[in-house]
PDB file of N, CA and C in Angstrom:
ATOM      1  N   MET A   1      -5.564  -1.013  21.744  1.00  0.00           N
ATOM      2  CA  MET A   1      -4.272  -1.659  21.729  1.00  0.00           C
ATOM      3  C   MET A   1      -4.266  -2.805  22.746  1.00  0.00           C
ATOM      4  N   THR A   2      -3.458  -3.786  22.461  1.00  0.00           N
ATOM      5  CA  THR A   2      -3.345  -4.910  23.373  1.00  0.00           C
ATOM      6  C   THR A   2      -2.428  -4.535  24.533  1.00  0.00           C
ATOM      7  N   THR A   3      -2.307  -5.429  25.477  1.00  0.00           N
ATOM      8  CA  THR A   3      -1.437  -5.175  26.626  1.00  0.00           C
ATOM      9  C   THR A   3       0.024  -5.050  26.221  1.00  0.00           C
ATOM     10  N   GLU A   4       0.395  -5.550  25.057  1.00  0.00           N
ATOM     11  CA  GLU A   4       1.766  -5.438  24.558  1.00  0.00           C
ATOM     12  C   GLU A   4       1.975  -4.121  23.826  1.00  0.00           C
ATOM     13  N   ASN A   5       1.002  -3.224  23.849  1.00  0.00           N
ATOM     14  CA  ASN A   5       1.051  -1.960  23.129  1.00  0.00           C
ATOM     15  C   ASN A   5       1.176  -2.152  21.627  1.00  0.00           C
ATOM     16  N   ARG A   6       0.573  -3.203  21.143  1.00  0.00           N
ATOM     17  CA  ARG A   6       0.512  -3.445  19.703  1.00  0.00           C
ATOM     18  C   ARG A   6      -0.931  -3.294  19.263  1.00  0.00           C
ATOM     19  N   LEU A   7      -1.093  -2.741  18.082  1.00  0.00           N
ATOM     20  CA  LEU A   7      -2.437  -2.618  17.543  1.00  0.00           C
ATOM     21  C   LEU A   7      -2.967  -4.004  17.178  1.00  0.00           C
ATOM     22  N   THR A   8      -4.255  -4.208  17.389  1.00  0.00           N
ATOM     23  CA  THR A   8      -4.869  -5.481  17.022  1.00  0.00           C
ATOM     24  C   THR A   8      -5.075  -5.529  15.510  1.00  0.00           C
ATOM     25  N   HIS A   9      -5.333  -6.724  14.996  1.00  0.00           N
ATOM     26  CA  HIS A   9      -5.631  -6.857  13.570  1.00  0.00           C
ATOM     27  C   HIS A   9      -6.865  -6.044  13.203  1.00  0.00           C
ATOM     28  N   GLU A  10      -7.841  -6.009  14.091  1.00  0.00           N
ATOM     29  CA  GLU A  10      -9.057  -5.241  13.817  1.00  0.00           C
ATOM     30  C   GLU A  10      -8.753  -3.748  13.726  1.00  0.00           C
ATOM     31  N   GLU A  11      -7.910  -3.237  14.617  1.00  0.00           N
ATOM     32  CA  GLU A  11      -7.529  -1.820  14.563  1.00  0.00           C
ATOM     33  C   GLU A  11      -6.760  -1.511  13.283  1.00  0.00           C
ATOM     34  N   LEU A  12      -5.873  -2.420  12.902  1.00  0.00           N
ATOM     35  CA  LEU A  12      -5.110  -2.224  11.673  1.00  0.00           C
ATOM     36  C   LEU A  12      -6.003  -2.299  10.444  1.00  0.00           C
ATOM     37  N   GLU A  13      -6.978  -3.190  10.449  1.00  0.00           N
ATOM     38  CA  GLU A  13      -7.920  -3.278   9.324  1.00  0.00           C
ATOM     39  C   GLU A  13      -8.734  -1.980   9.192  1.00  0.00           C
ATOM     40  N   ARG A  14      -9.133  -1.399  10.325  1.00  0.00           N
ATOM     41  CA  ARG A  14      -9.851  -0.112  10.274  1.00  0.00           C
ATOM     42  C   ARG A  14      -8.949   0.977   9.695  1.00  0.00           C
ATOM     43  N   GLN A  15      -7.697   0.973  10.089  1.00  0.00           N
ATOM     44  CA  GLN A  15      -6.755   1.947   9.529  1.00  0.00           C
ATOM     45  C   GLN A  15      -6.592   1.738   8.021  1.00  0.00           C
ATOM     46  N   ALA A  16      -6.512   0.493   7.597  1.00  0.00           N
ATOM     47  CA  ALA A  16      -6.369   0.190   6.166  1.00  0.00           C
ATOM     48  C   ALA A  16      -7.567   0.706   5.380  1.00  0.00           C
ATOM     49  N   GLU A  17      -8.763   0.530   5.920  1.00  0.00           N
ATOM     50  CA  GLU A  17      -9.956   1.036   5.235  1.00  0.00           C
ATOM     51  C   GLU A  17      -9.921   2.555   5.121  1.00  0.00           C
ATOM     52  N   SER A  18      -9.477   3.221   6.173  1.00  0.00           N
ATOM     53  CA  SER A  18      -9.356   4.673   6.140  1.00  0.00           C
ATOM     54  C   SER A  18      -8.320   5.108   5.102  1.00  0.00           C
ATOM     55  N   ILE A  19      -7.194   4.416   5.070  1.00  0.00           N
ATOM     56  CA  ILE A  19      -6.169   4.721   4.069  1.00  0.00           C
ATOM     57  C   ILE A  19      -6.738   4.565   2.667  1.00  0.00           C
ATOM     58  N   MET A  20      -7.429   3.466   2.425  1.00  0.00           N
ATOM     59  CA  MET A  20      -7.983   3.220   1.094  1.00  0.00           C
ATOM     60  C   MET A  20      -9.007   4.282   0.705  1.00  0.00           C
ATOM     61  N   ASN A  21      -9.767   4.783   1.668  1.00  0.00           N
ATOM     62  CA  ASN A  21     -10.776   5.808   1.385  1.00  0.00           C
ATOM     63  C   ASN A  21     -10.176   7.189   1.181  1.00  0.00           C
ATOM     64  N   ASN A  22      -8.977   7.425   1.715  1.00  0.00           N
ATOM     65  CA  ASN A  22      -8.401   8.768   1.687  1.00  0.00           C
ATOM     66  C   ASN A  22      -7.167   8.918   0.799  1.00  0.00           C
ATOM     67  N   PHE A  23      -6.589   7.826   0.340  1.00  0.00           N
ATOM     68  CA  PHE A  23      -5.391   7.900  -0.493  1.00  0.00           C
ATOM     69  C   PHE A  23      -5.757   8.460  -1.861  1.00  0.00           C
ATOM     70  N   ASP A  24      -4.903   9.294  -2.430  1.00  0.00           N
ATOM     71  CA  ASP A  24      -5.181   9.950  -3.714  1.00  0.00           C
ATOM     72  C   ASP A  24      -4.719   9.063  -4.877  1.00  0.00           C
ATOM     73  N   PHE A  25      -5.498   8.018  -5.151  1.00  0.00           N
ATOM     74  CA  PHE A  25      -5.174   7.110  -6.241  1.00  0.00           C
ATOM     75  C   PHE A  25      -5.248   7.817  -7.590  1.00  0.00           C
ATOM     76  N   GLU A  26      -6.117   8.800  -7.713  1.00  0.00           N
ATOM     77  CA  GLU A  26      -6.233   9.567  -8.955  1.00  0.00           C
ATOM     78  C   GLU A  26      -4.914  10.273  -9.276  1.00  0.00           C
ATOM     79  N   ARG A  27      -4.308  10.872  -8.278  1.00  0.00           N
ATOM     80  CA  ARG A  27      -3.032  11.571  -8.476  1.00  0.00           C
ATOM     81  C   ARG A  27      -1.939  10.594  -8.908  1.00  0.00           C
ATOM     82  N   VAL A  28      -1.877   9.436  -8.265  1.00  0.00           N
ATOM     83  CA  VAL A  28      -0.886   8.420  -8.642  1.00  0.00           C
ATOM     84  C   VAL A  28      -1.130   7.969 -10.078  1.00  0.00           C
ATOM     85  N   HIS A  29      -2.383   7.730 -10.419  1.00  0.00           N
ATOM     86  CA  HIS A  29      -2.712   7.266 -11.765  1.00  0.00           C
ATOM     87  C   HIS A  29      -2.318   8.306 -12.814  1.00  0.00           C
ATOM     88  N   LYS A  30      -2.613   9.572 -12.560  1.00  0.00           N
ATOM     89  CA  LYS A  30      -2.233  10.640 -13.501  1.00  0.00           C
ATOM     90  C   LYS A  30      -0.720  10.688 -13.678  1.00  0.00           C
ATOM     91  N   HIS A  31       0.023  10.556 -12.580  1.00  0.00           N
ATOM     92  CA  HIS A  31       1.483  10.546 -12.668  1.00  0.00           C
ATOM     93  C   HIS A  31       1.957   9.373 -13.523  1.00  0.00           C
ATOM     94  N   MET A  32       1.407   8.205 -13.262  1.00  0.00           N
ATOM     95  CA  MET A  32       1.836   7.021 -13.996  1.00  0.00           C
ATOM     96  C   MET A  32       1.555   7.157 -15.487  1.00  0.00           C
ATOM     97  N   GLU A  33       0.414   7.750 -15.833  1.00  0.00           N
ATOM     98  CA  GLU A  33       0.113   7.987 -17.245  1.00  0.00           C
ATOM     99  C   GLU A  33       1.097   8.984 -17.843  1.00  0.00           C
ATOM    100  N   ALA A  34       1.414  10.050 -17.102  1.00  0.00           N
ATOM    101  CA  ALA A  34       2.283  11.107 -17.607  1.00  0.00           C
ATOM    102  C   ALA A  34       3.702  10.609 -17.892  1.00  0.00           C
ATOM    103  N   VAL A  35       4.192   9.691 -17.059  1.00  0.00           N
ATOM    104  CA  VAL A  35       5.565   9.202 -17.234  1.00  0.00           C
ATOM    105  C   VAL A  35       5.613   7.822 -17.889  1.00  0.00           C
ATOM    106  N   ASP A  36       4.451   7.325 -18.316  1.00  0.00           N
ATOM    107  CA  ASP A  36       4.346   6.011 -18.958  1.00  0.00           C
ATOM    108  C   ASP A  36       4.893   4.900 -18.060  1.00  0.00           C
ATOM    109  N   HIS A  37       4.548   4.991 -16.764  1.00  0.00           N
ATOM    110  CA  HIS A  37       4.940   3.996 -15.766  1.00  0.00           C
ATOM    111  C   HIS A  37       4.069   2.756 -15.971  1.00  0.00           C
ATOM    112  N   LYS A  38       4.698   1.646 -16.260  1.00  0.00           N
ATOM    113  CA  LYS A  38       3.968   0.403 -16.518  1.00  0.00           C
ATOM    114  C   LYS A  38       4.383  -0.661 -15.528  1.00  0.00           C
ATOM    115  N   TRP A  39       3.503  -1.649 -15.372  1.00  0.00           N
ATOM    116  CA  TRP A  39       3.742  -2.806 -14.527  1.00  0.00           C
ATOM    117  C   TRP A  39       3.773  -4.049 -15.394  1.00  0.00           C
ATOM    118  N   TYR A  40       4.511  -5.028 -14.913  1.00  0.00           N
ATOM    119  CA  TYR A  40       4.505  -6.341 -15.538  1.00  0.00           C
ATOM    120  C   TYR A  40       3.298  -7.099 -15.006  1.00  0.00           C
ATOM    121  N   GLN A  41       2.391  -7.461 -15.895  1.00  0.00           N
ATOM    122  CA  GLN A  41       1.151  -8.123 -15.486  1.00  0.00           C
ATOM    123  C   GLN A  41       0.754  -9.147 -16.540  1.00  0.00           C
ATOM    124  N   ASP A  42       0.534 -10.359 -16.112  1.00  0.00           N
ATOM    125  CA  ASP A  42       0.096 -11.431 -17.008  1.00  0.00           C
ATOM    126  C   ASP A  42       1.003 -11.570 -18.233  1.00  0.00           C
ATOM    127  N   GLY A  43       2.305 -11.467 -18.012  1.00  0.00           N
ATOM    128  CA  GLY A  43       3.260 -11.693 -19.080  1.00  0.00           C
ATOM    129  C   GLY A  43       3.557 -10.512 -19.973  1.00  0.00           C
ATOM    130  N   GLU A  44       3.020  -9.339 -19.662  1.00  0.00           N
ATOM    131  CA  GLU A  44       3.308  -8.172 -20.498  1.00  0.00           C
ATOM    132  C   GLU A  44       3.345  -6.897 -19.660  1.00  0.00           C
ATOM    133  N   MET A  45       3.960  -5.867 -20.207  1.00  0.00           N
ATOM    134  CA  MET A  45       4.009  -4.565 -19.551  1.00  0.00           C
ATOM    135  C   MET A  45       2.730  -3.804 -19.889  1.00  0.00           C
ATOM    136  N   VAL A  46       2.020  -3.355 -18.854  1.00  0.00           N
ATOM    137  CA  VAL A  46       0.741  -2.672 -19.060  1.00  0.00           C
ATOM    138  C   VAL A  46       0.659  -1.431 -18.168  1.00  0.00           C
ATOM    139  N   GLN A  47      -0.146  -0.482 -18.607  1.00  0.00           N
ATOM    140  CA  GLN A  47      -0.467   0.689 -17.798  1.00  0.00           C
ATOM    141  C   GLN A  47      -1.567   0.272 -16.820  1.00  0.00           C
ATOM    142  N   PRO A  48      -1.302   0.309 -15.505  1.00  0.00           N
ATOM    143  CA  PRO A  48      -2.330  -0.108 -14.557  1.00  0.00           C
ATOM    144  C   PRO A  48      -3.504   0.872 -14.531  1.00  0.00           C
ATOM    145  N   THR A  49      -4.688   0.333 -14.304  1.00  0.00           N
ATOM    146  CA  THR A  49      -5.878   1.160 -14.127  1.00  0.00           C
ATOM    147  C   THR A  49      -5.947   1.634 -12.676  1.00  0.00           C
ATOM    148  N   LYS A  50      -6.851   2.559 -12.389  1.00  0.00           N
ATOM    149  CA  LYS A  50      -7.041   2.980 -10.997  1.00  0.00           C
ATOM    150  C   LYS A  50      -7.472   1.805 -10.137  1.00  0.00           C
ATOM    151  N   ASP A  51      -8.287   0.918 -10.685  1.00  0.00           N
ATOM    152  CA  ASP A  51      -8.687  -0.276  -9.928  1.00  0.00           C
ATOM    153  C   ASP A  51      -7.478  -1.169  -9.643  1.00  0.00           C
ATOM    154  N   ASP A  52      -6.577  -1.313 -10.625  1.00  0.00           N
ATOM    155  CA  ASP A  52      -5.351  -2.085 -10.392  1.00  0.00           C
ATOM    156  C   ASP A  52      -4.546  -1.478  -9.248  1.00  0.00           C
ATOM    157  N   LEU A  53      -4.446  -0.148  -9.211  1.00  0.00           N
ATOM    158  CA  LEU A  53      -3.709   0.529  -8.149  1.00  0.00           C
ATOM    159  C   LEU A  53      -4.328   0.223  -6.792  1.00  0.00           C
ATOM    160  N   LYS A  54      -5.641   0.307  -6.718  1.00  0.00           N
ATOM    161  CA  LYS A  54      -6.333   0.060  -5.450  1.00  0.00           C
ATOM    162  C   LYS A  54      -6.175  -1.387  -4.999  1.00  0.00           C
ATOM    163  N   ILE A  55      -6.300  -2.312  -5.924  1.00  0.00           N
ATOM    164  CA  ILE A  55      -6.148  -3.736  -5.586  1.00  0.00           C
ATOM    165  C   ILE A  55      -4.739  -4.006  -5.074  1.00  0.00           C
ATOM    166  N   ASN A  56      -3.743  -3.466  -5.753  1.00  0.00           N
ATOM    167  CA  ASN A  56      -2.355  -3.680  -5.348  1.00  0.00           C
ATOM    168  C   ASN A  56      -2.078  -3.050  -3.988  1.00  0.00           C
ATOM    169  N   ALA A  57      -2.550  -1.829  -3.774  1.00  0.00           N
ATOM    170  CA  ALA A  57      -2.336  -1.144  -2.496  1.00  0.00           C
ATOM    171  C   ALA A  57      -2.988  -1.920  -1.353  1.00  0.00           C
ATOM    172  N   ARG A  58      -4.214  -2.382  -1.551  1.00  0.00           N
ATOM    173  CA  ARG A  58      -4.909  -3.112  -0.482  1.00  0.00           C
ATOM    174  C   ARG A  58      -4.221  -4.438  -0.187  1.00  0.00           C
ATOM    175  N   ARG A  59      -3.716  -5.085  -1.221  1.00  0.00           N
ATOM    176  CA  ARG A  59      -2.988  -6.345  -1.030  1.00  0.00           C
ATOM    177  C   ARG A  59      -1.740  -6.110  -0.183  1.00  0.00           C
ATOM    178  N   LEU A  60      -1.024  -5.026  -0.457  1.00  0.00           N
ATOM    179  CA  LEU A  60       0.174  -4.708   0.323  1.00  0.00           C
ATOM    180  C   LEU A  60      -0.177  -4.387   1.767  1.00  0.00           C
ATOM    181  N   LEU A  61      -1.234  -3.611   1.982  1.00  0.00           N
ATOM    182  CA  LEU A  61      -1.658  -3.298   3.348  1.00  0.00           C
ATOM    183  C   LEU A  61      -2.029  -4.573   4.104  1.00  0.00           C
ATOM    184  N   THR A  62      -2.766  -5.458   3.453  1.00  0.00           N
ATOM    185  CA  THR A  62      -3.161  -6.716   4.082  1.00  0.00           C
ATOM    186  C   THR A  62      -1.930  -7.548   4.438  1.00  0.00           C
ATOM    187  N   HIS A  63      -0.975  -7.599   3.534  1.00  0.00           N
ATOM    188  CA  HIS A  63       0.265  -8.344   3.802  1.00  0.00           C
ATOM    189  C   HIS A  63       0.981  -7.765   5.020  1.00  0.00           C
ATOM    190  N   ALA A  64       1.051  -6.440   5.110  1.00  0.00           N
ATOM    191  CA  ALA A  64       1.712  -5.802   6.257  1.00  0.00           C
ATOM    192  C   ALA A  64       0.957  -6.093   7.550  1.00  0.00           C
ATOM    193  N   ILE A  65      -0.367  -5.994   7.513  1.00  0.00           N
ATOM    194  CA  ILE A  65      -1.189  -6.234   8.706  1.00  0.00           C
ATOM    195  C   ILE A  65      -0.935  -7.631   9.268  1.00  0.00           C
ATOM    196  N   TRP A  66      -0.901  -8.623   8.415  1.00  0.00           N
ATOM    197  CA  TRP A  66      -0.828 -10.007   8.867  1.00  0.00           C
ATOM    198  C   TRP A  66       0.595 -10.530   9.005  1.00  0.00           C
ATOM    199  N   SER A  67       1.588  -9.670   8.773  1.00  0.00           N
ATOM    200  CA  SER A  67       2.966 -10.065   9.012  1.00  0.00           C
ATOM    201  C   SER A  67       3.158 -10.324  10.502  1.00  0.00           C
ATOM    202  N   ASP A  68       3.957 -11.324  10.841  1.00  0.00           N
ATOM    203  CA  ASP A  68       4.258 -11.622  12.243  1.00  0.00           C
ATOM    204  C   ASP A  68       5.175 -10.574  12.871  1.00  0.00           C
ATOM    205  N   GLU A  69       5.818  -9.772  12.032  1.00  0.00           N
ATOM    206  CA  GLU A  69       6.738  -8.748  12.525  1.00  0.00           C
ATOM    207  C   GLU A  69       5.966  -7.583  13.142  1.00  0.00           C
ATOM    208  N   HIS A  70       6.514  -7.017  14.211  1.00  0.00           N
ATOM    209  CA  HIS A  70       5.905  -5.841  14.854  1.00  0.00           C
ATOM    210  C   HIS A  70       5.968  -4.631  13.923  1.00  0.00           C
ATOM    211  N   CYS A  71       7.091  -4.473  13.226  1.00  0.00           N
ATOM    212  CA  CYS A  71       7.285  -3.419  12.229  1.00  0.00           C
ATOM    213  C   CYS A  71       7.750  -4.081  10.941  1.00  0.00           C
ATOM    214  N   THR A  72       7.151  -3.685   9.829  1.00  0.00           N
ATOM    215  CA  THR A  72       7.531  -4.275   8.549  1.00  0.00           C
ATOM    216  C   THR A  72       7.155  -3.326   7.432  1.00  0.00           C
ATOM    217  N   ASN A  73       7.661  -3.595   6.246  1.00  0.00           N
ATOM    218  CA  ASN A  73       7.202  -2.903   5.049  1.00  0.00           C
ATOM    219  C   ASN A  73       7.238  -3.870   3.894  1.00  0.00           C
ATOM    220  N   VAL A  74       6.377  -3.618   2.937  1.00  0.00           N
ATOM    221  CA  VAL A  74       6.291  -4.443   1.743  1.00  0.00           C
ATOM    222  C   VAL A  74       5.878  -3.522   0.599  1.00  0.00           C
ATOM    223  N   GLY A  75       6.489  -3.723  -0.561  1.00  0.00           N
ATOM    224  CA  GLY A  75       6.173  -2.828  -1.658  1.00  0.00           C
ATOM    225  C   GLY A  75       6.376  -3.457  -3.007  1.00  0.00           C
ATOM    226  N   THR A  76       5.752  -2.821  -4.000  1.00  0.00           N
ATOM    227  CA  THR A  76       5.910  -3.188  -5.398  1.00  0.00           C
ATOM    228  C   THR A  76       5.246  -2.122  -6.256  1.00  0.00           C
ATOM    229  N   GLY A  77       5.781  -1.919  -7.441  1.00  0.00           N
ATOM    230  CA  GLY A  77       5.166  -0.999  -8.396  1.00  0.00           C
ATOM    231  C   GLY A  77       5.153   0.455  -7.965  1.00  0.00           C
ATOM    232  N   GLY A  78       5.977   0.826  -6.997  1.00  0.00           N
ATOM    233  CA  GLY A  78       5.989   2.191  -6.482  1.00  0.00           C
ATOM    234  C   GLY A  78       5.303   2.331  -5.142  1.00  0.00           C
ATOM    235  N   PHE A  79       4.386   1.427  -4.831  1.00  0.00           N
ATOM    236  CA  PHE A  79       3.690   1.461  -3.543  1.00  0.00           C
ATOM    237  C   PHE A  79       4.523   0.784  -2.460  1.00  0.00           C
ATOM    238  N   VAL A  80       4.466   1.347  -1.256  1.00  0.00           N
ATOM    239  CA  VAL A  80       5.062   0.702  -0.092  1.00  0.00           C
ATOM    240  C   VAL A  80       4.063   0.823   1.056  1.00  0.00           C
ATOM    241  N   ALA A  81       3.744  -0.309   1.670  1.00  0.00           N
ATOM    242  CA  ALA A  81       2.888  -0.339   2.853  1.00  0.00           C
ATOM    243  C   ALA A  81       3.780  -0.609   4.056  1.00  0.00           C
ATOM    244  N   TYR A  82       3.598   0.183   5.097  1.00  0.00           N
ATOM    245  CA  TYR A  82       4.383   0.062   6.318  1.00  0.00           C
ATOM    246  C   TYR A  82       3.466  -0.296   7.484  1.00  0.00           C
ATOM    247  N   LYS A  83       3.910  -1.217   8.323  1.00  0.00           N
ATOM    248  CA  LYS A  83       3.281  -1.439   9.620  1.00  0.00           C
ATOM    249  C   LYS A  83       4.291  -0.962  10.656  1.00  0.00           C
ATOM    250  N   LEU A  84       3.891   0.054  11.404  1.00  0.00           N
ATOM    251  CA  LEU A  84       4.750   0.697  12.392  1.00  0.00           C
ATOM    252  C   LEU A  84       4.092   0.577  13.762  1.00  0.00           C
ATOM    253  N   PRO A  85       4.808   0.844  14.837  1.00  0.00           N
ATOM    254  CA  PRO A  85       4.196   0.709  16.164  1.00  0.00           C
ATOM    255  C   PRO A  85       2.907   1.516  16.335  1.00  0.00           C
ATOM    256  N   TRP A  86       2.783   2.622  15.646  1.00  0.00           N
ATOM    257  CA  TRP A  86       1.601   3.480  15.784  1.00  0.00           C
ATOM    258  C   TRP A  86       0.565   3.242  14.690  1.00  0.00           C
ATOM    259  N   GLY A  87       0.846   2.330  13.750  1.00  0.00           N
ATOM    260  CA  GLY A  87      -0.162   2.005  12.757  1.00  0.00           C
ATOM    261  C   GLY A  87       0.378   1.835  11.355  1.00  0.00           C
ATOM    262  N   LEU A  88      -0.533   1.910  10.403  1.00  0.00           N
ATOM    263  CA  LEU A  88      -0.213   1.675   8.998  1.00  0.00           C
ATOM    264  C   LEU A  88       0.070   2.968   8.253  1.00  0.00           C
ATOM    265  N   ARG A  89       0.832   2.816   7.162  1.00  0.00           N
ATOM    266  CA  ARG A  89       1.123   3.928   6.273  1.00  0.00           C
ATOM    267  C   ARG A  89       1.234   3.361   4.864  1.00  0.00           C
ATOM    268  N   LEU A  90       0.725   4.093   3.883  1.00  0.00           N
ATOM    269  CA  LEU A  90       0.845   3.717   2.479  1.00  0.00           C
ATOM    270  C   LEU A  90       1.464   4.874   1.733  1.00  0.00           C
ATOM    271  N   THR A  91       2.511   4.589   0.950  1.00  0.00           N
ATOM    272  CA  THR A  91       3.150   5.625   0.145  1.00  0.00           C
ATOM    273  C   THR A  91       3.265   5.148  -1.299  1.00  0.00           C
ATOM    274  N   PHE A  92       3.407   6.106  -2.183  1.00  0.00           N
ATOM    275  CA  PHE A  92       3.812   5.834  -3.556  1.00  0.00           C
ATOM    276  C   PHE A  92       5.114   6.583  -3.735  1.00  0.00           C
ATOM    277  N   GLU A  93       6.203   5.843  -3.870  1.00  0.00           N
ATOM    278  CA  GLU A  93       7.537   6.433  -3.863  1.00  0.00           C
ATOM    279  C   GLU A  93       8.110   6.538  -5.265  1.00  0.00           C
ATOM    280  N   LEU A  94       8.704   7.701  -5.520  1.00  0.00           N
ATOM    281  CA  LEU A  94       9.337   7.917  -6.813  1.00  0.00           C
ATOM    282  C   LEU A  94      10.837   7.651  -6.761  1.00  0.00           C
ATOM    283  N   THR A  95      11.452   7.961  -5.624  1.00  0.00           N
ATOM    284  CA  THR A  95      12.877   7.732  -5.475  1.00  0.00           C
ATOM    285  C   THR A  95      13.219   7.637  -3.996  1.00  0.00           C
ATOM    286  N   TRP A  96      14.288   6.957  -3.685  1.00  0.00           N
ATOM    287  CA  TRP A  96      14.760   6.862  -2.310  1.00  0.00           C
ATOM    288  C   TRP A  96      16.232   6.453  -2.343  1.00  0.00           C
ATOM    289  N   SER A  97      16.864   6.557  -1.218  1.00  0.00           N
ATOM    290  CA  SER A  97      18.277   6.216  -1.127  1.00  0.00           C
ATOM    291  C   SER A  97      18.558   5.556   0.213  1.00  0.00           C
TER     292      SER A  97
END
């Protein structure tokens, strides 16, 4: 951590790699198939592949890492990436209030 008690970009990138290696993309993909959850992609509604899920999740994590905000979140398609004082978090949310 830096003297400001903020994680460095390098520390956050390591966390992102760990998240990507440990997140259960298979479970998310099975859920999306079961409920016919589709994304708008290239002008049409499509069922995302597991690779699409991984690409989207990593893009969100990268966006959160490089945000100028100390704490932020960014999401789309059910995924939400959070940058918090203690690090990164990736979720796939079904509902919230």
